[in-house]
Amino acid sequence: MLTELWSFRGRYRILHLTWFAFFLSFVVWFNLAPLATSLKADFGLETSQIRTIAICNVALTVPARIIIGMLLDKYGPRITYSLLLMYAAIPCIGFALAQNFSQLVISRLALSIVGAGFVIGIRMVAEWFPPKEIGLAEGIYGGWGNFGSAASAFTLPTVAAVLTFGAGEILNWRLSIALTGIIAALYGAFYFFNVQDTPPGKVYKKPKRATGLEVTTQKDFIFLILMNLPLTGVLC
């Protein structure tokens, strides 16, 4: 597999295109932290308000992953990943255009859904790779995809500084964040037209009825609530 990994053909092409989709989703999801100082200075926010926005950034991610899983079962990874990446532009631009704290919170809540993209690629990679290669393939997908968080921290302050054009002391965080969403949306369209859910000759198996993950059964739902009580208490 390692010798064929760089061929960018067949299933390896799907792997590379999919980990990059995950990479971009994490660049978008983590685009707040490296620009938080500029955001705080621009709005005159308190530290507690920045923390609130940061909490909003993950608030809907867990329930979104359940919903994304249901959509994934029904429509397949190609459509689901493409739509999620294109959706990312909406909260990014909304956050970039925000004029008050409430708008920042609402747009960040909407953006937290983008963090659910991880589950989509897991299914896509599993469809394309045999059992003997699936571990390495998923590792490449997860490793390079997660690197999007680091890439966001490394690059966005520089991008914001360049986009400021020396016009002021506060970095142009607005255009920088909007740009991440626009790039994600463009790649979402590219992804839609350049991948397939399964290899040629293999049929994508959809359940007869799209249902939630096992955690949404009554027993596991109660267990999930109990398990999240400590976290909820901390956030409150």
C-alpha atoms as a PDB file:
ATOM      1  CA  MET A   1       0.000   0.000   0.000  1.00  0.00           C
ATOM      2  CA  LEU A   2       2.784   2.447   0.882  1.00  0.00           C
ATOM      3  CA  THR A   3       4.295   2.222  -2.598  1.00  0.00           C
ATOM      4  CA  GLU A   4       0.932   2.954  -4.218  1.00  0.00           C
ATOM      5  CA  LEU A   5      -0.101   5.648  -1.769  1.00  0.00           C
ATOM      6  CA  TRP A   6       1.312   8.478  -3.882  1.00  0.00           C
ATOM      7  CA  SER A   7      -0.156   7.208  -7.147  1.00  0.00           C
ATOM      8  CA  PHE A   8      -3.311   9.324  -6.734  1.00  0.00           C
ATOM      9  CA  ARG A   9      -5.264   6.665  -8.611  1.00  0.00           C
ATOM     10  CA  GLY A  10      -8.260   4.573  -7.669  1.00  0.00           C
ATOM     11  CA  ARG A  11      -8.894   4.254  -3.946  1.00  0.00           C
ATOM     12  CA  TYR A  12      -5.766   6.248  -3.095  1.00  0.00           C
ATOM     13  CA  ARG A  13      -7.175   9.215  -4.967  1.00  0.00           C
ATOM     14  CA  ILE A  14     -10.378   8.938  -2.931  1.00  0.00           C
ATOM     15  CA  LEU A  15      -8.315   8.745   0.261  1.00  0.00           C
ATOM     16  CA  HIS A  16      -6.362  11.906  -0.536  1.00  0.00           C
ATOM     17  CA  LEU A  17      -9.426  13.868  -1.595  1.00  0.00           C
ATOM     18  CA  THR A  18     -11.278  12.755   1.525  1.00  0.00           C
ATOM     19  CA  TRP A  19      -8.572  13.497   4.086  1.00  0.00           C
ATOM     20  CA  PHE A  20      -8.244  16.948   2.555  1.00  0.00           C
ATOM     21  CA  ALA A  21     -11.999  17.447   2.996  1.00  0.00           C
ATOM     22  CA  PHE A  22     -11.567  16.541   6.669  1.00  0.00           C
ATOM     23  CA  PHE A  23      -8.516  18.815   6.849  1.00  0.00           C
ATOM     24  CA  LEU A  24     -10.524  21.789   5.562  1.00  0.00           C
ATOM     25  CA  SER A  25     -13.416  21.092   7.905  1.00  0.00           C
ATOM     26  CA  PHE A  26     -10.985  21.295  10.825  1.00  0.00           C
ATOM     27  CA  VAL A  27      -9.368  24.472   9.489  1.00  0.00           C
ATOM     28  CA  VAL A  28     -12.850  26.007   9.522  1.00  0.00           C
ATOM     29  CA  TRP A  29     -13.813  24.549  12.890  1.00  0.00           C
ATOM     30  CA  PHE A  30     -10.621  25.800  14.562  1.00  0.00           C
ATOM     31  CA  ASN A  31     -10.427  29.198  12.864  1.00  0.00           C
ATOM     32  CA  LEU A  32     -11.433  31.056  16.041  1.00  0.00           C
ATOM     33  CA  ALA A  33      -8.562  30.341  18.447  1.00  0.00           C
ATOM     34  CA  PRO A  34      -5.671  31.868  16.449  1.00  0.00           C
ATOM     35  CA  LEU A  35      -7.664  35.058  15.862  1.00  0.00           C
ATOM     36  CA  ALA A  36      -9.359  35.350  19.264  1.00  0.00           C
ATOM     37  CA  THR A  37      -7.035  38.131  20.435  1.00  0.00           C
ATOM     38  CA  SER A  38      -7.880  40.291  17.410  1.00  0.00           C
ATOM     39  CA  LEU A  39     -11.576  39.516  17.820  1.00  0.00           C
ATOM     40  CA  LYS A  40     -11.456  40.498  21.489  1.00  0.00           C
ATOM     41  CA  ALA A  41      -9.709  43.786  20.709  1.00  0.00           C
ATOM     42  CA  ASP A  42     -12.042  44.631  17.829  1.00  0.00           C
ATOM     43  CA  PHE A  43     -15.240  44.164  19.855  1.00  0.00           C
ATOM     44  CA  GLY A  44     -13.854  45.088  23.264  1.00  0.00           C
ATOM     45  CA  LEU A  45     -14.991  41.731  24.629  1.00  0.00           C
ATOM     46  CA  GLU A  46     -14.397  40.391  28.107  1.00  0.00           C
ATOM     47  CA  THR A  47     -12.420  37.182  28.572  1.00  0.00           C
ATOM     48  CA  SER A  48     -15.614  35.456  29.743  1.00  0.00           C
ATOM     49  CA  GLN A  49     -17.303  36.377  26.463  1.00  0.00           C
ATOM     50  CA  ILE A  50     -14.470  34.864  24.450  1.00  0.00           C
ATOM     51  CA  ARG A  51     -14.853  31.697  26.507  1.00  0.00           C
ATOM     52  CA  THR A  52     -18.579  31.660  25.769  1.00  0.00           C
ATOM     53  CA  ILE A  53     -17.896  31.895  22.042  1.00  0.00           C
ATOM     54  CA  ALA A  54     -15.346  29.086  22.357  1.00  0.00           C
ATOM     55  CA  ILE A  55     -17.938  26.897  24.097  1.00  0.00           C
ATOM     56  CA  CYS A  56     -20.422  27.640  21.315  1.00  0.00           C
ATOM     57  CA  ASN A  57     -17.801  26.393  18.876  1.00  0.00           C
ATOM     58  CA  VAL A  58     -18.297  22.829  20.175  1.00  0.00           C
ATOM     59  CA  ALA A  59     -21.841  23.026  21.567  1.00  0.00           C
ATOM     60  CA  LEU A  60     -23.652  21.330  18.672  1.00  0.00           C
ATOM     61  CA  THR A  61     -20.862  19.090  17.434  1.00  0.00           C
ATOM     62  CA  VAL A  62     -21.925  15.920  19.273  1.00  0.00           C
ATOM     63  CA  PRO A  63     -25.630  16.017  18.296  1.00  0.00           C
ATOM     64  CA  ALA A  64     -24.577  17.085  14.800  1.00  0.00           C
ATOM     65  CA  ARG A  65     -22.466  13.939  14.440  1.00  0.00           C
ATOM     66  CA  ILE A  66     -25.546  11.834  15.171  1.00  0.00           C
ATOM     67  CA  ILE A  67     -27.591  13.718  12.579  1.00  0.00           C
ATOM     68  CA  ILE A  68     -24.741  13.636  10.069  1.00  0.00           C
ATOM     69  CA  GLY A  69     -24.535   9.876  10.627  1.00  0.00           C
ATOM     70  CA  MET A  70     -28.208   9.552   9.718  1.00  0.00           C
ATOM     71  CA  LEU A  71     -27.746  11.656   6.579  1.00  0.00           C
ATOM     72  CA  LEU A  72     -24.670   9.629   5.720  1.00  0.00           C
ATOM     73  CA  ASP A  73     -26.649   6.390   5.837  1.00  0.00           C
ATOM     74  CA  LYS A  74     -29.326   7.856   3.601  1.00  0.00           C
ATOM     75  CA  TYR A  75     -27.403   9.912   1.043  1.00  0.00           C
ATOM     76  CA  GLY A  76     -23.849   8.561   1.147  1.00  0.00           C
ATOM     77  CA  PRO A  77     -20.523  10.236   1.989  1.00  0.00           C
ATOM     78  CA  ARG A  78     -20.103  12.054  -1.330  1.00  0.00           C
ATOM     79  CA  ILE A  79     -23.245  14.154  -1.018  1.00  0.00           C
ATOM     80  CA  THR A  80     -23.026  14.536   2.758  1.00  0.00           C
ATOM     81  CA  TYR A  81     -19.404  15.732   2.834  1.00  0.00           C
ATOM     82  CA  SER A  82     -19.942  18.060  -0.117  1.00  0.00           C
ATOM     83  CA  LEU A  83     -22.975  19.692   1.465  1.00  0.00           C
ATOM     84  CA  LEU A  84     -21.279  20.051   4.851  1.00  0.00           C
ATOM     85  CA  LEU A  85     -18.276  21.797   3.307  1.00  0.00           C
ATOM     86  CA  MET A  86     -20.489  24.108   1.268  1.00  0.00           C
ATOM     87  CA  TYR A  87     -22.592  24.815   4.351  1.00  0.00           C
ATOM     88  CA  ALA A  88     -19.417  25.883   6.192  1.00  0.00           C
ATOM     89  CA  ALA A  89     -19.316  29.106   4.189  1.00  0.00           C
ATOM     90  CA  ILE A  90     -22.605  30.310   5.710  1.00  0.00           C
ATOM     91  CA  PRO A  91     -21.597  30.489   9.406  1.00  0.00           C
ATOM     92  CA  CYS A  92     -18.061  31.597   8.492  1.00  0.00           C
ATOM     93  CA  ILE A  93     -19.330  34.572   6.522  1.00  0.00           C
ATOM     94  CA  GLY A  94     -21.982  35.221   9.174  1.00  0.00           C
ATOM     95  CA  PHE A  95     -19.293  35.286  11.865  1.00  0.00           C
ATOM     96  CA  ALA A  96     -17.112  37.556   9.734  1.00  0.00           C
ATOM     97  CA  LEU A  97     -19.989  40.023   9.274  1.00  0.00           C
ATOM     98  CA  ALA A  98     -21.119  39.973  12.923  1.00  0.00           C
ATOM     99  CA  GLN A  99     -21.628  43.368  14.547  1.00  0.00           C
ATOM    100  CA  ASN A 100     -22.353  42.346  18.130  1.00  0.00           C
ATOM    101  CA  PHE A 101     -21.793  39.583  20.655  1.00  0.00           C
ATOM    102  CA  SER A 102     -25.146  37.891  20.014  1.00  0.00           C
ATOM    103  CA  GLN A 103     -24.384  37.521  16.315  1.00  0.00           C
ATOM    104  CA  LEU A 104     -20.984  36.068  17.151  1.00  0.00           C
ATOM    105  CA  VAL A 105     -22.606  33.472  19.420  1.00  0.00           C
ATOM    106  CA  ILE A 106     -25.308  32.466  16.929  1.00  0.00           C
ATOM    107  CA  SER A 107     -22.932  32.116  13.993  1.00  0.00           C
ATOM    108  CA  ARG A 108     -20.459  30.149  16.124  1.00  0.00           C
ATOM    109  CA  LEU A 109     -23.188  27.755  17.213  1.00  0.00           C
ATOM    110  CA  ALA A 110     -24.023  27.185  13.556  1.00  0.00           C
ATOM    111  CA  LEU A 111     -20.358  26.688  12.763  1.00  0.00           C
ATOM    112  CA  SER A 112     -19.946  24.007  15.443  1.00  0.00           C
ATOM    113  CA  ILE A 113     -21.863  21.645  13.152  1.00  0.00           C
ATOM    114  CA  VAL A 114     -18.882  21.593  10.785  1.00  0.00           C
ATOM    115  CA  GLY A 115     -16.949  19.684  13.437  1.00  0.00           C
ATOM    116  CA  ALA A 116     -19.124  16.660  12.642  1.00  0.00           C
ATOM    117  CA  GLY A 117     -17.361  16.052   9.329  1.00  0.00           C
ATOM    118  CA  PHE A 118     -15.032  13.431  10.782  1.00  0.00           C
ATOM    119  CA  VAL A 119     -17.622  10.631  10.687  1.00  0.00           C
ATOM    120  CA  ILE A 120     -18.276  11.046   6.964  1.00  0.00           C
ATOM    121  CA  GLY A 121     -14.775  10.230   5.829  1.00  0.00           C
ATOM    122  CA  ILE A 122     -14.621   7.172   8.081  1.00  0.00           C
ATOM    123  CA  ARG A 123     -17.432   5.633   6.033  1.00  0.00           C
ATOM    124  CA  MET A 124     -15.969   6.750   2.711  1.00  0.00           C
ATOM    125  CA  VAL A 125     -12.560   5.223   3.440  1.00  0.00           C
ATOM    126  CA  ALA A 126     -14.168   2.026   4.739  1.00  0.00           C
ATOM    127  CA  GLU A 127     -16.069   1.640   1.463  1.00  0.00           C
ATOM    128  CA  TRP A 128     -12.923   1.906  -0.648  1.00  0.00           C
ATOM    129  CA  PHE A 129     -10.308  -0.086   1.266  1.00  0.00           C
ATOM    130  CA  PRO A 130     -10.113  -3.817   2.064  1.00  0.00           C
ATOM    131  CA  PRO A 131      -9.872  -4.987   5.698  1.00  0.00           C
ATOM    132  CA  LYS A 132      -6.112  -5.571   5.488  1.00  0.00           C
ATOM    133  CA  GLU A 133      -5.514  -1.909   4.542  1.00  0.00           C
ATOM    134  CA  ILE A 134      -8.314  -0.154   6.392  1.00  0.00           C
ATOM    135  CA  GLY A 135      -6.292   0.578   9.540  1.00  0.00           C
ATOM    136  CA  LEU A 136      -3.538   2.441   7.720  1.00  0.00           C
ATOM    137  CA  ALA A 137      -6.013   4.187   5.429  1.00  0.00           C
ATOM    138  CA  GLU A 138      -8.113   5.414   8.355  1.00  0.00           C
ATOM    139  CA  GLY A 139      -4.926   6.497  10.134  1.00  0.00           C
ATOM    140  CA  ILE A 140      -3.878   8.598   7.154  1.00  0.00           C
ATOM    141  CA  TYR A 141      -7.365  10.066   6.904  1.00  0.00           C
ATOM    142  CA  GLY A 142      -7.552  10.899  10.605  1.00  0.00           C
ATOM    143  CA  GLY A 143      -3.954  12.062  10.964  1.00  0.00           C
ATOM    144  CA  TRP A 144      -3.815  14.465   8.053  1.00  0.00           C
ATOM    145  CA  GLY A 145      -7.387  15.595   8.647  1.00  0.00           C
ATOM    146  CA  ASN A 146      -6.728  16.470  12.276  1.00  0.00           C
ATOM    147  CA  PHE A 147      -3.700  18.441  11.149  1.00  0.00           C
ATOM    148  CA  GLY A 148      -6.195  21.029   9.933  1.00  0.00           C
ATOM    149  CA  SER A 149      -6.440  22.351  13.491  1.00  0.00           C
ATOM    150  CA  ALA A 150      -2.684  22.951  13.609  1.00  0.00           C
ATOM    151  CA  ALA A 151      -2.654  24.400  10.103  1.00  0.00           C
ATOM    152  CA  SER A 152      -5.340  26.850  11.164  1.00  0.00           C
ATOM    153  CA  ALA A 153      -3.227  28.004  14.108  1.00  0.00           C
ATOM    154  CA  PHE A 154      -0.088  28.308  11.974  1.00  0.00           C
ATOM    155  CA  THR A 155      -1.516  30.076   8.939  1.00  0.00           C
ATOM    156  CA  LEU A 156      -4.558  32.188   9.820  1.00  0.00           C
ATOM    157  CA  PRO A 157      -2.729  34.891  11.810  1.00  0.00           C
ATOM    158  CA  THR A 158      -0.342  35.334   8.881  1.00  0.00           C
ATOM    159  CA  VAL A 159      -3.208  35.413   6.393  1.00  0.00           C
ATOM    160  CA  ALA A 160      -5.025  37.974   8.546  1.00  0.00           C
ATOM    161  CA  ALA A 161      -1.878  40.097   8.778  1.00  0.00           C
ATOM    162  CA  VAL A 162      -1.425  40.054   5.005  1.00  0.00           C
ATOM    163  CA  LEU A 163      -5.082  40.942   4.444  1.00  0.00           C
ATOM    164  CA  THR A 164      -4.770  43.885   6.842  1.00  0.00           C
ATOM    165  CA  PHE A 165      -2.448  45.648   4.370  1.00  0.00           C
ATOM    166  CA  GLY A 166      -0.896  47.630   7.223  1.00  0.00           C
ATOM    167  CA  ALA A 167      -4.147  49.549   7.701  1.00  0.00           C
ATOM    168  CA  GLY A 168      -4.284  49.144  11.459  1.00  0.00           C
ATOM    169  CA  GLU A 169      -3.074  47.366  14.547  1.00  0.00           C
ATOM    170  CA  ILE A 170      -5.978  44.882  14.616  1.00  0.00           C
ATOM    171  CA  LEU A 171      -5.557  41.995  12.188  1.00  0.00           C
ATOM    172  CA  ASN A 172      -8.199  41.479   9.522  1.00  0.00           C
ATOM    173  CA  TRP A 173      -9.753  38.486  11.264  1.00  0.00           C
ATOM    174  CA  ARG A 174     -13.064  38.968   9.423  1.00  0.00           C
ATOM    175  CA  LEU A 175     -11.745  38.372   5.928  1.00  0.00           C
ATOM    176  CA  SER A 176      -9.480  35.593   7.134  1.00  0.00           C
ATOM    177  CA  ILE A 177     -12.357  33.634   8.690  1.00  0.00           C
ATOM    178  CA  ALA A 178     -14.649  34.270   5.728  1.00  0.00           C
ATOM    179  CA  LEU A 179     -11.914  33.005   3.422  1.00  0.00           C
ATOM    180  CA  THR A 180     -11.741  29.638   5.201  1.00  0.00           C
ATOM    181  CA  GLY A 181     -15.461  29.126   4.632  1.00  0.00           C
ATOM    182  CA  ILE A 182     -15.286  30.146   0.983  1.00  0.00           C
ATOM    183  CA  ILE A 183     -12.384  27.768   0.322  1.00  0.00           C
ATOM    184  CA  ALA A 184     -14.264  24.942   2.075  1.00  0.00           C
ATOM    185  CA  ALA A 185     -17.368  25.596  -0.031  1.00  0.00           C
ATOM    186  CA  LEU A 186     -15.408  25.600  -3.284  1.00  0.00           C
ATOM    187  CA  TYR A 187     -13.716  22.357  -2.325  1.00  0.00           C
ATOM    188  CA  GLY A 188     -17.103  20.895  -1.406  1.00  0.00           C
ATOM    189  CA  ALA A 189     -18.267  21.459  -4.979  1.00  0.00           C
ATOM    190  CA  PHE A 190     -15.009  19.990  -6.303  1.00  0.00           C
ATOM    191  CA  TYR A 191     -15.382  16.965  -4.028  1.00  0.00           C
ATOM    192  CA  PHE A 192     -18.919  16.327  -5.240  1.00  0.00           C
ATOM    193  CA  PHE A 193     -17.817  16.022  -8.852  1.00  0.00           C
ATOM    194  CA  ASN A 194     -14.616  14.066  -8.248  1.00  0.00           C
ATOM    195  CA  VAL A 195     -15.435  11.194  -5.888  1.00  0.00           C
ATOM    196  CA  GLN A 196     -17.804   8.248  -5.798  1.00  0.00           C
ATOM    197  CA  ASP A 197     -19.329   6.559  -2.773  1.00  0.00           C
ATOM    198  CA  THR A 198     -18.013   3.123  -3.703  1.00  0.00           C
ATOM    199  CA  PRO A 199     -15.549   1.478  -6.110  1.00  0.00           C
ATOM    200  CA  PRO A 200     -16.886   0.475  -9.550  1.00  0.00           C
ATOM    201  CA  GLY A 201     -19.116  -2.570  -9.287  1.00  0.00           C
ATOM    202  CA  LYS A 202     -19.832  -2.143  -5.584  1.00  0.00           C
ATOM    203  CA  VAL A 203     -23.222  -0.940  -4.413  1.00  0.00           C
ATOM    204  CA  TYR A 204     -23.517   1.529  -1.545  1.00  0.00           C
ATOM    205  CA  LYS A 205     -25.673  -0.195   1.042  1.00  0.00           C
ATOM    206  CA  LYS A 206     -28.285   2.054   2.551  1.00  0.00           C
ATOM    207  CA  PRO A 207     -30.520   1.037   5.442  1.00  0.00           C
ATOM    208  CA  LYS A 208     -34.197   0.690   4.624  1.00  0.00           C
ATOM    209  CA  ARG A 209     -34.924   3.462   7.060  1.00  0.00           C
ATOM    210  CA  ALA A 210     -32.473   6.137   8.198  1.00  0.00           C
ATOM    211  CA  THR A 211     -32.270   5.889  11.969  1.00  0.00           C
ATOM    212  CA  GLY A 212     -30.052   7.289  14.669  1.00  0.00           C
ATOM    213  CA  LEU A 213     -26.989   5.598  16.011  1.00  0.00           C
ATOM    214  CA  GLU A 214     -27.417   3.012  18.744  1.00  0.00           C
ATOM    215  CA  VAL A 215     -26.861   5.706  21.328  1.00  0.00           C
ATOM    216  CA  THR A 216     -30.323   7.084  20.505  1.00  0.00           C
ATOM    217  CA  THR A 217     -32.096   4.006  21.868  1.00  0.00           C
ATOM    218  CA  GLN A 218     -33.831   4.718  25.157  1.00  0.00           C
ATOM    219  CA  LYS A 219     -31.305   2.851  27.307  1.00  0.00           C
ATOM    220  CA  ASP A 220     -28.209   4.395  25.707  1.00  0.00           C
ATOM    221  CA  PHE A 221     -29.823   7.816  25.472  1.00  0.00           C
ATOM    222  CA  ILE A 222     -30.264   7.866  29.261  1.00  0.00           C
ATOM    223  CA  PHE A 223     -26.691   6.642  29.683  1.00  0.00           C
ATOM    224  CA  LEU A 224     -25.447   9.429  27.388  1.00  0.00           C
ATOM    225  CA  ILE A 225     -27.292  12.057  29.425  1.00  0.00           C
ATOM    226  CA  LEU A 226     -25.795  10.768  32.673  1.00  0.00           C
ATOM    227  CA  MET A 227     -22.341  10.651  31.111  1.00  0.00           C
ATOM    228  CA  ASN A 228     -22.594  14.278  29.975  1.00  0.00           C
ATOM    229  CA  LEU A 229     -23.920  15.683  33.246  1.00  0.00           C
ATOM    230  CA  PRO A 230     -20.431  16.551  34.588  1.00  0.00           C
ATOM    231  CA  LEU A 231     -19.550  18.432  31.393  1.00  0.00           C
ATOM    232  CA  THR A 232     -22.895  20.239  31.420  1.00  0.00           C
ATOM    233  CA  GLY A 233     -22.321  21.251  35.028  1.00  0.00           C
ATOM    234  CA  VAL A 234     -18.922  22.696  34.192  1.00  0.00           C
ATOM    235  CA  LEU A 235     -20.287  24.667  31.239  1.00  0.00           C
ATOM    236  CA  CYS A 236     -23.105  26.071  33.350  1.00  0.00           C
END
